[in-house]
All heavy atoms as atom14 arrays in JSON, in Angstrom:
{
  "sequence": "LAILYYAHACSLALDTPFNFDLETFNNVVLPAQTRLWVFIAFFVG",
  "atom14_mask": [
    [1, 1, 1, 1, 1, 1, 1, 1, 0, 0, 0, 0, 0, 0],
    [1, 1, 1, 1, 1, 0, 0, 0, 0, 0, 0, 0, 0, 0],
    [1, 1, 1, 1, 1, 1, 1, 1, 0, 0, 0, 0, 0, 0],
    [1, 1, 1, 1, 1, 1, 1, 1, 0, 0, 0, 0, 0, 0],
    [1, 1, 1, 1, 1, 1, 1, 1, 1, 1, 1, 1, 0, 0],
    [1, 1, 1, 1, 1, 1, 1, 1, 1, 1, 1, 1, 0, 0],
    [1, 1, 1, 1, 1, 0, 0, 0, 0, 0, 0, 0, 0, 0],
    [1, 1, 1, 1, 1, 1, 1, 1, 1, 1, 0, 0, 0, 0],
    [1, 1, 1, 1, 1, 0, 0, 0, 0, 0, 0, 0, 0, 0],
    [1, 1, 1, 1, 1, 1, 0, 0, 0, 0, 0, 0, 0, 0],
    [1, 1, 1, 1, 1, 1, 0, 0, 0, 0, 0, 0, 0, 0],
    [1, 1, 1, 1, 1, 1, 1, 1, 0, 0, 0, 0, 0, 0],
    [1, 1, 1, 1, 1, 0, 0, 0, 0, 0, 0, 0, 0, 0],
    [1, 1, 1, 1, 1, 1, 1, 1, 0, 0, 0, 0, 0, 0],
    [1, 1, 1, 1, 1, 1, 1, 1, 0, 0, 0, 0, 0, 0],
    [1, 1, 1, 1, 1, 1, 1, 0, 0, 0, 0, 0, 0, 0],
    [1, 1, 1, 1, 1, 1, 1, 0, 0, 0, 0, 0, 0, 0],
    [1, 1, 1, 1, 1, 1, 1, 1, 1, 1, 1, 0, 0, 0],
    [1, 1, 1, 1, 1, 1, 1, 1, 0, 0, 0, 0, 0, 0],
    [1, 1, 1, 1, 1, 1, 1, 1, 1, 1, 1, 0, 0, 0],
    [1, 1, 1, 1, 1, 1, 1, 1, 0, 0, 0, 0, 0, 0],
    [1, 1, 1, 1, 1, 1, 1, 1, 0, 0, 0, 0, 0, 0],
    [1, 1, 1, 1, 1, 1, 1, 1, 1, 0, 0, 0, 0, 0],
    [1, 1, 1, 1, 1, 1, 1, 0, 0, 0, 0, 0, 0, 0],
    [1, 1, 1, 1, 1, 1, 1, 1, 1, 1, 1, 0, 0, 0],
    [1, 1, 1, 1, 1, 1, 1, 1, 0, 0, 0, 0, 0, 0],
    [1, 1, 1, 1, 1, 1, 1, 1, 0, 0, 0, 0, 0, 0],
    [1, 1, 1, 1, 1, 1, 1, 0, 0, 0, 0, 0, 0, 0],
    [1, 1, 1, 1, 1, 1, 1, 0, 0, 0, 0, 0, 0, 0],
    [1, 1, 1, 1, 1, 1, 1, 1, 0, 0, 0, 0, 0, 0],
    [1, 1, 1, 1, 1, 1, 1, 0, 0, 0, 0, 0, 0, 0],
    [1, 1, 1, 1, 1, 0, 0, 0, 0, 0, 0, 0, 0, 0],
    [1, 1, 1, 1, 1, 1, 1, 1, 1, 0, 0, 0, 0, 0],
    [1, 1, 1, 1, 1, 1, 1, 0, 0, 0, 0, 0, 0, 0],
    [1, 1, 1, 1, 1, 1, 1, 1, 1, 1, 1, 0, 0, 0],
    [1, 1, 1, 1, 1, 1, 1, 1, 0, 0, 0, 0, 0, 0],
    [1, 1, 1, 1, 1, 1, 1, 1, 1, 1, 1, 1, 1, 1],
    [1, 1, 1, 1, 1, 1, 1, 0, 0, 0, 0, 0, 0, 0],
    [1, 1, 1, 1, 1, 1, 1, 1, 1, 1, 1, 0, 0, 0],
    [1, 1, 1, 1, 1, 1, 1, 1, 0, 0, 0, 0, 0, 0],
    [1, 1, 1, 1, 1, 0, 0, 0, 0, 0, 0, 0, 0, 0],
    [1, 1, 1, 1, 1, 1, 1, 1, 1, 1, 1, 0, 0, 0],
    [1, 1, 1, 1, 1, 1, 1, 1, 1, 1, 1, 0, 0, 0],
    [1, 1, 1, 1, 1, 1, 1, 0, 0, 0, 0, 0, 0, 0],
    [1, 1, 1, 1, 0, 0, 0, 0, 0, 0, 0, 0, 0, 0]
  ],
  "atom14_positions": [
    [[127.07, 100.42, 102.21], [125.82, 100.75, 102.88], [125.73, 102.25, 103.15], [124.66, 102.87, 102.99], [125.69, 99.97, 104.19], [125.49, 98.46, 104.06], [125.53, 97.8, 105.43], [124.18, 98.15, 103.36], [0.0, 0.0, 0.0], [0.0, 0.0, 0.0], [0.0, 0.0, 0.0], [0.0, 0.0, 0.0], [0.0, 0.0, 0.0], [0.0, 0.0, 0.0]],
    [[126.85, 102.85, 103.55], [126.87, 104.29, 103.8], [126.59, 105.07, 102.51], [125.86, 106.06, 102.52], [128.22, 104.7, 104.39], [0.0, 0.0, 0.0], [0.0, 0.0, 0.0], [0.0, 0.0, 0.0], [0.0, 0.0, 0.0], [0.0, 0.0, 0.0], [0.0, 0.0, 0.0], [0.0, 0.0, 0.0], [0.0, 0.0, 0.0], [0.0, 0.0, 0.0]],
    [[127.18, 104.63, 101.41], [126.96, 105.29, 100.12], [125.49, 105.21, 99.72], [124.88, 106.21, 99.29], [127.87, 104.66, 99.04], [129.34, 104.97, 99.32], [127.48, 105.16, 97.65], [130.31, 104.21, 98.44], [0.0, 0.0, 0.0], [0.0, 0.0, 0.0], [0.0, 0.0, 0.0], [0.0, 0.0, 0.0], [0.0, 0.0, 0.0], [0.0, 0.0, 0.0]],
    [[124.91, 104.03, 99.86], [123.5, 103.85, 99.49], [122.58, 104.71, 100.37], [121.63, 105.34, 99.87], [123.11, 102.37, 99.61], [123.8, 101.42, 98.63], [123.46, 99.97, 98.95], [123.41, 101.74, 97.19], [0.0, 0.0, 0.0], [0.0, 0.0, 0.0], [0.0, 0.0, 0.0], [0.0, 0.0, 0.0], [0.0, 0.0, 0.0], [0.0, 0.0, 0.0]],
    [[122.87, 104.75, 101.68], [122.03, 105.56, 102.56], [122.17, 107.04, 102.23], [121.17, 107.78, 102.22], [122.41, 105.31, 104.03], [121.55, 106.12, 104.98], [120.32, 105.62, 105.42], [121.94, 107.38, 105.41], [119.51, 106.36, 106.26], [121.14, 108.14, 106.24], [119.93, 107.62, 106.68], [119.12, 108.36, 107.5], [0.0, 0.0, 0.0], [0.0, 0.0, 0.0]],
    [[123.4, 107.48, 101.97], [123.61, 108.89, 101.66], [122.89, 109.27, 100.36], [122.28, 110.36, 100.25], [125.11, 109.19, 101.52], [125.5, 110.58, 101.96], [126.42, 110.77, 102.98], [124.96, 111.7, 101.35], [126.78, 112.05, 103.39], [125.32, 112.99, 101.75], [126.23, 113.15, 102.76], [126.57, 114.42, 103.17], [0.0, 0.0, 0.0], [0.0, 0.0, 0.0]],
    [[122.93, 108.38, 99.37], [122.23, 108.65, 98.11], [120.72, 108.74, 98.35], [120.03, 109.6, 97.76], [122.54, 107.57, 97.09], [0.0, 0.0, 0.0], [0.0, 0.0, 0.0], [0.0, 0.0, 0.0], [0.0, 0.0, 0.0], [0.0, 0.0, 0.0], [0.0, 0.0, 0.0], [0.0, 0.0, 0.0], [0.0, 0.0, 0.0], [0.0, 0.0, 0.0]],
    [[120.2, 107.87, 99.22], [118.78, 107.91, 99.56], [118.42, 109.23, 100.25], [117.4, 109.86, 99.94], [118.44, 106.73, 100.47], [117.06, 106.76, 101.02], [115.93, 106.59, 100.23], [116.6, 106.96, 102.29], [114.86, 106.68, 100.98], [115.22, 106.89, 102.23], [0.0, 0.0, 0.0], [0.0, 0.0, 0.0], [0.0, 0.0, 0.0], [0.0, 0.0, 0.0]],
    [[119.28, 109.67, 101.18], [119.05, 110.94, 101.88], [119.09, 112.11, 100.9], [118.29, 113.05, 101.01], [120.08, 111.11, 102.98], [0.0, 0.0, 0.0], [0.0, 0.0, 0.0], [0.0, 0.0, 0.0], [0.0, 0.0, 0.0], [0.0, 0.0, 0.0], [0.0, 0.0, 0.0], [0.0, 0.0, 0.0], [0.0, 0.0, 0.0], [0.0, 0.0, 0.0]],
    [[120.02, 112.08, 99.93], [120.1, 113.14, 98.93], [118.84, 113.17, 98.07], [118.32, 114.24, 97.73], [121.33, 112.93, 98.04], [122.91, 113.2, 98.87], [0.0, 0.0, 0.0], [0.0, 0.0, 0.0], [0.0, 0.0, 0.0], [0.0, 0.0, 0.0], [0.0, 0.0, 0.0], [0.0, 0.0, 0.0], [0.0, 0.0, 0.0], [0.0, 0.0, 0.0]],
    [[118.35, 111.98, 97.73], [117.13, 111.9, 96.92], [115.94, 112.53, 97.63], [115.15, 113.26, 97.03], [116.84, 110.43, 96.57], [115.64, 110.31, 95.85], [0.0, 0.0, 0.0], [0.0, 0.0, 0.0], [0.0, 0.0, 0.0], [0.0, 0.0, 0.0], [0.0, 0.0, 0.0], [0.0, 0.0, 0.0], [0.0, 0.0, 0.0], [0.0, 0.0, 0.0]],
    [[115.82, 112.26, 98.94], [114.72, 112.84, 99.7], [114.89, 114.34, 99.9], [113.93, 115.11, 99.78], [114.62, 112.15, 101.07], [114.21, 110.67, 101.06], [114.22, 110.12, 102.48], [112.84, 110.49, 100.42], [0.0, 0.0, 0.0], [0.0, 0.0, 0.0], [0.0, 0.0, 0.0], [0.0, 0.0, 0.0], [0.0, 0.0, 0.0], [0.0, 0.0, 0.0]],
    [[116.13, 114.76, 100.21], [116.37, 116.18, 100.5], [116.21, 117.06, 99.27], [115.69, 118.18, 99.35], [117.76, 116.35, 101.09], [0.0, 0.0, 0.0], [0.0, 0.0, 0.0], [0.0, 0.0, 0.0], [0.0, 0.0, 0.0], [0.0, 0.0, 0.0], [0.0, 0.0, 0.0], [0.0, 0.0, 0.0], [0.0, 0.0, 0.0], [0.0, 0.0, 0.0]],
    [[116.64, 116.56, 98.1], [116.6, 117.36, 96.88], [115.39, 117.06, 96.01], [115.19, 117.72, 94.98], [117.89, 117.13, 96.07], [119.2, 117.44, 96.78], [120.38, 117.04, 95.92], [119.28, 118.91, 97.16], [0.0, 0.0, 0.0], [0.0, 0.0, 0.0], [0.0, 0.0, 0.0], [0.0, 0.0, 0.0], [0.0, 0.0, 0.0], [0.0, 0.0, 0.0]],
    [[114.61, 116.04, 96.43], [113.43, 115.61, 95.67], [113.82, 115.29, 94.22], [113.2, 115.76, 93.26], [112.35, 116.7, 95.7], [110.99, 116.16, 95.21], [110.81, 114.93, 95.25], [110.16, 116.97, 94.77], [0.0, 0.0, 0.0], [0.0, 0.0, 0.0], [0.0, 0.0, 0.0], [0.0, 0.0, 0.0], [0.0, 0.0, 0.0], [0.0, 0.0, 0.0]],
    [[114.85, 114.49, 94.1], [115.36, 114.08, 92.79], [115.55, 112.57, 92.8], [115.56, 111.94, 93.87], [116.71, 114.76, 92.49], [117.65, 114.4, 93.51], [116.56, 116.27, 92.41], [0.0, 0.0, 0.0], [0.0, 0.0, 0.0], [0.0, 0.0, 0.0], [0.0, 0.0, 0.0], [0.0, 0.0, 0.0], [0.0, 0.0, 0.0], [0.0, 0.0, 0.0]],
    [[115.72, 111.94, 91.62], [116.04, 110.5, 91.59], [117.39, 110.24, 92.25], [118.17, 111.16, 92.51], [116.07, 110.18, 90.09], [115.31, 111.27, 89.44], [115.52, 112.49, 90.28], [0.0, 0.0, 0.0], [0.0, 0.0, 0.0], [0.0, 0.0, 0.0], [0.0, 0.0, 0.0], [0.0, 0.0, 0.0], [0.0, 0.0, 0.0], [0.0, 0.0, 0.0]],
    [[117.68, 108.97, 92.49], [118.97, 108.59, 93.08], [120.11, 109.15, 92.24], [120.06, 109.15, 91.01], [119.08, 107.06, 93.13], [118.74, 106.49, 94.47], [117.54, 106.79, 95.09], [119.63, 105.64, 95.13], [117.22, 106.26, 96.33], [119.31, 105.11, 96.37], [118.11, 105.42, 96.96], [0.0, 0.0, 0.0], [0.0, 0.0, 0.0], [0.0, 0.0, 0.0]],
    [[121.15, 109.61, 92.93], [122.33, 110.12, 92.25], [123.53, 109.87, 93.16], [123.55, 110.29, 94.32], [122.19, 111.62, 91.97], [123.25, 112.13, 91.02], [124.37, 111.64, 90.99], [122.89, 113.11, 90.2], [0.0, 0.0, 0.0], [0.0, 0.0, 0.0], [0.0, 0.0, 0.0], [0.0, 0.0, 0.0], [0.0, 0.0, 0.0], [0.0, 0.0, 0.0]],
    [[124.53, 109.17, 92.62], [125.71, 108.81, 93.41], [126.9, 109.72, 93.11], [128.03, 109.4, 93.46], [126.1, 107.36, 93.14], [125.08, 106.37, 93.64], [124.13, 105.86, 92.79], [125.09, 105.96, 94.97], [123.18, 104.95, 93.25], [124.15, 105.06, 95.44], [123.19, 104.55, 94.58], [0.0, 0.0, 0.0], [0.0, 0.0, 0.0], [0.0, 0.0, 0.0]],
    [[126.65, 110.85, 92.47], [127.73, 111.76, 92.13], [128.21, 112.5, 93.38], [127.4, 112.9, 94.22], [127.26, 112.76, 91.08], [128.42, 113.32, 90.28], [128.89, 112.61, 89.38], [128.86, 114.44, 90.57], [0.0, 0.0, 0.0], [0.0, 0.0, 0.0], [0.0, 0.0, 0.0], [0.0, 0.0, 0.0], [0.0, 0.0, 0.0], [0.0, 0.0, 0.0]],
    [[129.51, 112.68, 93.49], [130.08, 113.36, 94.66], [129.54, 114.78, 94.79], [129.3, 115.26, 95.9], [131.61, 113.37, 94.57], [132.36, 114.07, 95.7], [132.05, 113.43, 97.04], [133.86, 114.07, 95.44], [0.0, 0.0, 0.0], [0.0, 0.0, 0.0], [0.0, 0.0, 0.0], [0.0, 0.0, 0.0], [0.0, 0.0, 0.0], [0.0, 0.0, 0.0]],
    [[129.32, 115.45, 93.68], [128.8, 116.82, 93.73], [127.42, 116.87, 94.38], [127.12, 117.78, 95.15], [128.74, 117.39, 92.32], [128.33, 118.85, 92.26], [128.33, 119.4, 90.85], [128.83, 118.7, 89.94], [127.83, 120.53, 90.66], [0.0, 0.0, 0.0], [0.0, 0.0, 0.0], [0.0, 0.0, 0.0], [0.0, 0.0, 0.0], [0.0, 0.0, 0.0]],
    [[126.6, 115.87, 94.09], [125.28, 115.79, 94.72], [125.4, 115.56, 96.22], [124.7, 116.2, 97.02], [124.45, 114.66, 94.09], [124.33, 114.89, 92.68], [123.07, 114.57, 94.71], [0.0, 0.0, 0.0], [0.0, 0.0, 0.0], [0.0, 0.0, 0.0], [0.0, 0.0, 0.0], [0.0, 0.0, 0.0], [0.0, 0.0, 0.0], [0.0, 0.0, 0.0]],
    [[126.3, 114.65, 96.62], [126.51, 114.4, 98.04], [126.98, 115.66, 98.76], [126.59, 115.91, 99.91], [127.55, 113.28, 98.23], [127.01, 111.89, 98.04], [126.06, 111.6, 97.08], [127.47, 110.85, 98.83], [125.56, 110.32, 96.9], [126.98, 109.56, 98.67], [126.03, 109.3, 97.69], [0.0, 0.0, 0.0], [0.0, 0.0, 0.0], [0.0, 0.0, 0.0]],
    [[127.82, 116.44, 98.09], [128.34, 117.66, 98.71], [127.26, 118.72, 98.94], [127.44, 119.65, 99.72], [129.45, 118.26, 97.85], [130.77, 117.53, 98.03], [131.05, 117.0, 99.1], [131.58, 117.49, 96.98], [0.0, 0.0, 0.0], [0.0, 0.0, 0.0], [0.0, 0.0, 0.0], [0.0, 0.0, 0.0], [0.0, 0.0, 0.0], [0.0, 0.0, 0.0]],
    [[126.13, 118.57, 98.24], [125.05, 119.55, 98.38], [124.08, 119.23, 99.51], [123.14, 119.99, 99.75], [124.27, 119.66, 97.06], [125.07, 120.31, 95.96], [125.92, 121.16, 96.22], [124.82, 119.91, 94.73], [0.0, 0.0, 0.0], [0.0, 0.0, 0.0], [0.0, 0.0, 0.0], [0.0, 0.0, 0.0], [0.0, 0.0, 0.0], [0.0, 0.0, 0.0]],
    [[124.29, 118.11, 100.18], [123.36, 117.68, 101.23], [124.14, 117.4, 102.51], [125.14, 116.67, 102.49], [122.58, 116.42, 100.81], [121.72, 115.91, 101.97], [121.72, 116.72, 99.59], [0.0, 0.0, 0.0], [0.0, 0.0, 0.0], [0.0, 0.0, 0.0], [0.0, 0.0, 0.0], [0.0, 0.0, 0.0], [0.0, 0.0, 0.0], [0.0, 0.0, 0.0]],
    [[123.7, 117.97, 103.62], [124.26, 117.69, 104.95], [123.27, 116.8, 105.69], [122.1, 117.16, 105.84], [124.52, 118.98, 105.75], [125.07, 118.65, 107.13], [125.48, 119.89, 104.99], [0.0, 0.0, 0.0], [0.0, 0.0, 0.0], [0.0, 0.0, 0.0], [0.0, 0.0, 0.0], [0.0, 0.0, 0.0], [0.0, 0.0, 0.0], [0.0, 0.0, 0.0]],
    [[123.74, 115.63, 106.13], [122.85, 114.7, 106.8], [122.38, 115.24, 108.15], [123.11, 116.01, 108.8], [123.56, 113.36, 107.03], [123.89, 112.53, 105.79], [124.63, 111.27, 106.18], [122.63, 112.18, 105.01], [0.0, 0.0, 0.0], [0.0, 0.0, 0.0], [0.0, 0.0, 0.0], [0.0, 0.0, 0.0], [0.0, 0.0, 0.0], [0.0, 0.0, 0.0]],
    [[121.2, 114.85, 108.6], [120.75, 115.24, 109.94], [121.7, 114.73, 111.02], [122.35, 113.69, 110.85], [119.37, 114.58, 110.06], [118.94, 114.31, 108.66], [120.19, 114.06, 107.87], [0.0, 0.0, 0.0], [0.0, 0.0, 0.0], [0.0, 0.0, 0.0], [0.0, 0.0, 0.0], [0.0, 0.0, 0.0], [0.0, 0.0, 0.0], [0.0, 0.0, 0.0]],
    [[121.77, 115.45, 112.1], [122.71, 115.12, 113.17], [122.5, 113.71, 113.72], [123.46, 113.02, 114.09], [122.62, 116.14, 114.29], [0.0, 0.0, 0.0], [0.0, 0.0, 0.0], [0.0, 0.0, 0.0], [0.0, 0.0, 0.0], [0.0, 0.0, 0.0], [0.0, 0.0, 0.0], [0.0, 0.0, 0.0], [0.0, 0.0, 0.0], [0.0, 0.0, 0.0]],
    [[121.25, 113.24, 113.77], [120.97, 111.95, 114.4], [121.44, 110.76, 113.56], [121.64, 109.67, 114.09], [119.47, 111.8, 114.7], [118.56, 111.89, 113.48], [118.08, 113.29, 113.23], [118.77, 114.26, 113.57], [116.89, 113.42, 112.64], [0.0, 0.0, 0.0], [0.0, 0.0, 0.0], [0.0, 0.0, 0.0], [0.0, 0.0, 0.0], [0.0, 0.0, 0.0]],
    [[121.62, 110.95, 112.25], [122.09, 109.85, 111.4], [123.53, 110.05, 110.91], [124.16, 109.12, 110.44], [121.18, 109.69, 110.17], [121.18, 110.92, 109.43], [119.76, 109.34, 110.59], [0.0, 0.0, 0.0], [0.0, 0.0, 0.0], [0.0, 0.0, 0.0], [0.0, 0.0, 0.0], [0.0, 0.0, 0.0], [0.0, 0.0, 0.0], [0.0, 0.0, 0.0]],
    [[124.02, 111.27, 111.03], [125.33, 111.6, 110.47], [126.44, 110.73, 111.05], [127.31, 110.22, 110.32], [125.62, 113.08, 110.75], [126.86, 113.63, 110.08], [127.1, 115.06, 110.53], [125.93, 115.89, 110.26], [125.61, 116.98, 110.97], [126.36, 117.32, 112.01], [124.56, 117.7, 110.65], [0.0, 0.0, 0.0], [0.0, 0.0, 0.0], [0.0, 0.0, 0.0]],
    [[126.42, 110.5, 112.37], [127.49, 109.75, 113.02], [127.53, 108.31, 112.52], [128.61, 107.77, 112.25], [127.31, 109.79, 114.53], [128.32, 108.95, 115.34], [129.74, 109.44, 115.09], [127.99, 109.0, 116.83], [0.0, 0.0, 0.0], [0.0, 0.0, 0.0], [0.0, 0.0, 0.0], [0.0, 0.0, 0.0], [0.0, 0.0, 0.0], [0.0, 0.0, 0.0]],
    [[126.35, 107.67, 112.37], [126.33, 106.27, 111.97], [126.82, 106.09, 110.54], [127.52, 105.13, 110.22], [124.92, 105.7, 112.14], [124.48, 105.69, 113.56], [123.56, 106.51, 114.16], [124.99, 104.85, 114.6], [123.45, 106.22, 115.49], [124.31, 105.2, 115.79], [125.93, 103.82, 114.64], [124.56, 104.57, 117.0], [126.18, 103.2, 115.85], [125.5, 103.57, 117.01]],
    [[126.45, 107.01, 109.67], [126.92, 106.94, 108.29], [128.43, 107.18, 108.24], [129.16, 106.51, 107.49], [126.17, 107.95, 107.4], [126.65, 107.86, 105.96], [124.68, 107.7, 107.47], [0.0, 0.0, 0.0], [0.0, 0.0, 0.0], [0.0, 0.0, 0.0], [0.0, 0.0, 0.0], [0.0, 0.0, 0.0], [0.0, 0.0, 0.0], [0.0, 0.0, 0.0]],
    [[128.9, 108.11, 109.06], [130.34, 108.36, 109.15], [131.09, 107.11, 109.6], [132.13, 106.76, 109.02], [130.62, 109.51, 110.13], [132.08, 109.68, 110.46], [132.91, 110.42, 109.64], [132.63, 109.09, 111.6], [134.26, 110.57, 109.95], [133.96, 109.24, 111.92], [134.78, 109.98, 111.08], [0.0, 0.0, 0.0], [0.0, 0.0, 0.0], [0.0, 0.0, 0.0]],
    [[130.58, 106.43, 110.62], [131.24, 105.22, 111.14], [131.32, 104.15, 110.05], [132.35, 103.48, 109.89], [130.5, 104.69, 112.38], [130.7, 105.66, 113.55], [131.0, 103.29, 112.76], [129.88, 105.31, 114.78], [0.0, 0.0, 0.0], [0.0, 0.0, 0.0], [0.0, 0.0, 0.0], [0.0, 0.0, 0.0], [0.0, 0.0, 0.0], [0.0, 0.0, 0.0]],
    [[130.24, 104.0, 109.27], [130.25, 103.0, 108.2], [131.31, 103.34, 107.15], [132.07, 102.46, 106.7], [128.87, 102.91, 107.55], [0.0, 0.0, 0.0], [0.0, 0.0, 0.0], [0.0, 0.0, 0.0], [0.0, 0.0, 0.0], [0.0, 0.0, 0.0], [0.0, 0.0, 0.0], [0.0, 0.0, 0.0], [0.0, 0.0, 0.0], [0.0, 0.0, 0.0]],
    [[131.39, 104.61, 106.76], [132.45, 105.05, 105.84], [133.83, 104.8, 106.46], [134.75, 104.29, 105.81], [132.31, 106.54, 105.55], [131.7, 106.85, 104.21], [130.39, 107.3, 104.12], [132.42, 106.71, 103.05], [129.82, 107.59, 102.9], [131.86, 107.01, 101.82], [130.55, 107.46, 101.74], [0.0, 0.0, 0.0], [0.0, 0.0, 0.0], [0.0, 0.0, 0.0]],
    [[133.96, 105.18, 107.73], [135.25, 105.13, 108.4], [135.78, 103.7, 108.48], [136.97, 103.46, 108.28], [135.11, 105.73, 109.8], [136.4, 105.74, 110.59], [137.36, 106.71, 110.36], [136.65, 104.78, 111.56], [138.53, 106.73, 111.08], [137.83, 104.79, 112.29], [138.77, 105.77, 112.05], [0.0, 0.0, 0.0], [0.0, 0.0, 0.0], [0.0, 0.0, 0.0]],
    [[134.92, 102.74, 108.78], [135.37, 101.34, 108.91], [135.94, 100.84, 107.58], [137.0, 100.21, 107.55], [134.2, 100.44, 109.38], [134.56, 98.97, 109.25], [133.84, 100.76, 110.82], [0.0, 0.0, 0.0], [0.0, 0.0, 0.0], [0.0, 0.0, 0.0], [0.0, 0.0, 0.0], [0.0, 0.0, 0.0], [0.0, 0.0, 0.0], [0.0, 0.0, 0.0]],
    [[135.25, 101.13, 106.47], [135.75, 100.69, 105.18], [137.11, 101.28, 104.85], [137.97, 100.6, 104.28], [0.0, 0.0, 0.0], [0.0, 0.0, 0.0], [0.0, 0.0, 0.0], [0.0, 0.0, 0.0], [0.0, 0.0, 0.0], [0.0, 0.0, 0.0], [0.0, 0.0, 0.0], [0.0, 0.0, 0.0], [0.0, 0.0, 0.0], [0.0, 0.0, 0.0]]
  ]
}
């Protein structure tokens, strides 16, 4: 779920289609209000 949400955020931030590449994720910093929840989802797994 965290991966899917992060890909969605990258798509909106970069105005590009979905991309699950790590390099794309590294180019986007999530907003502070959602960053913690996505981190927790990653962390639990």
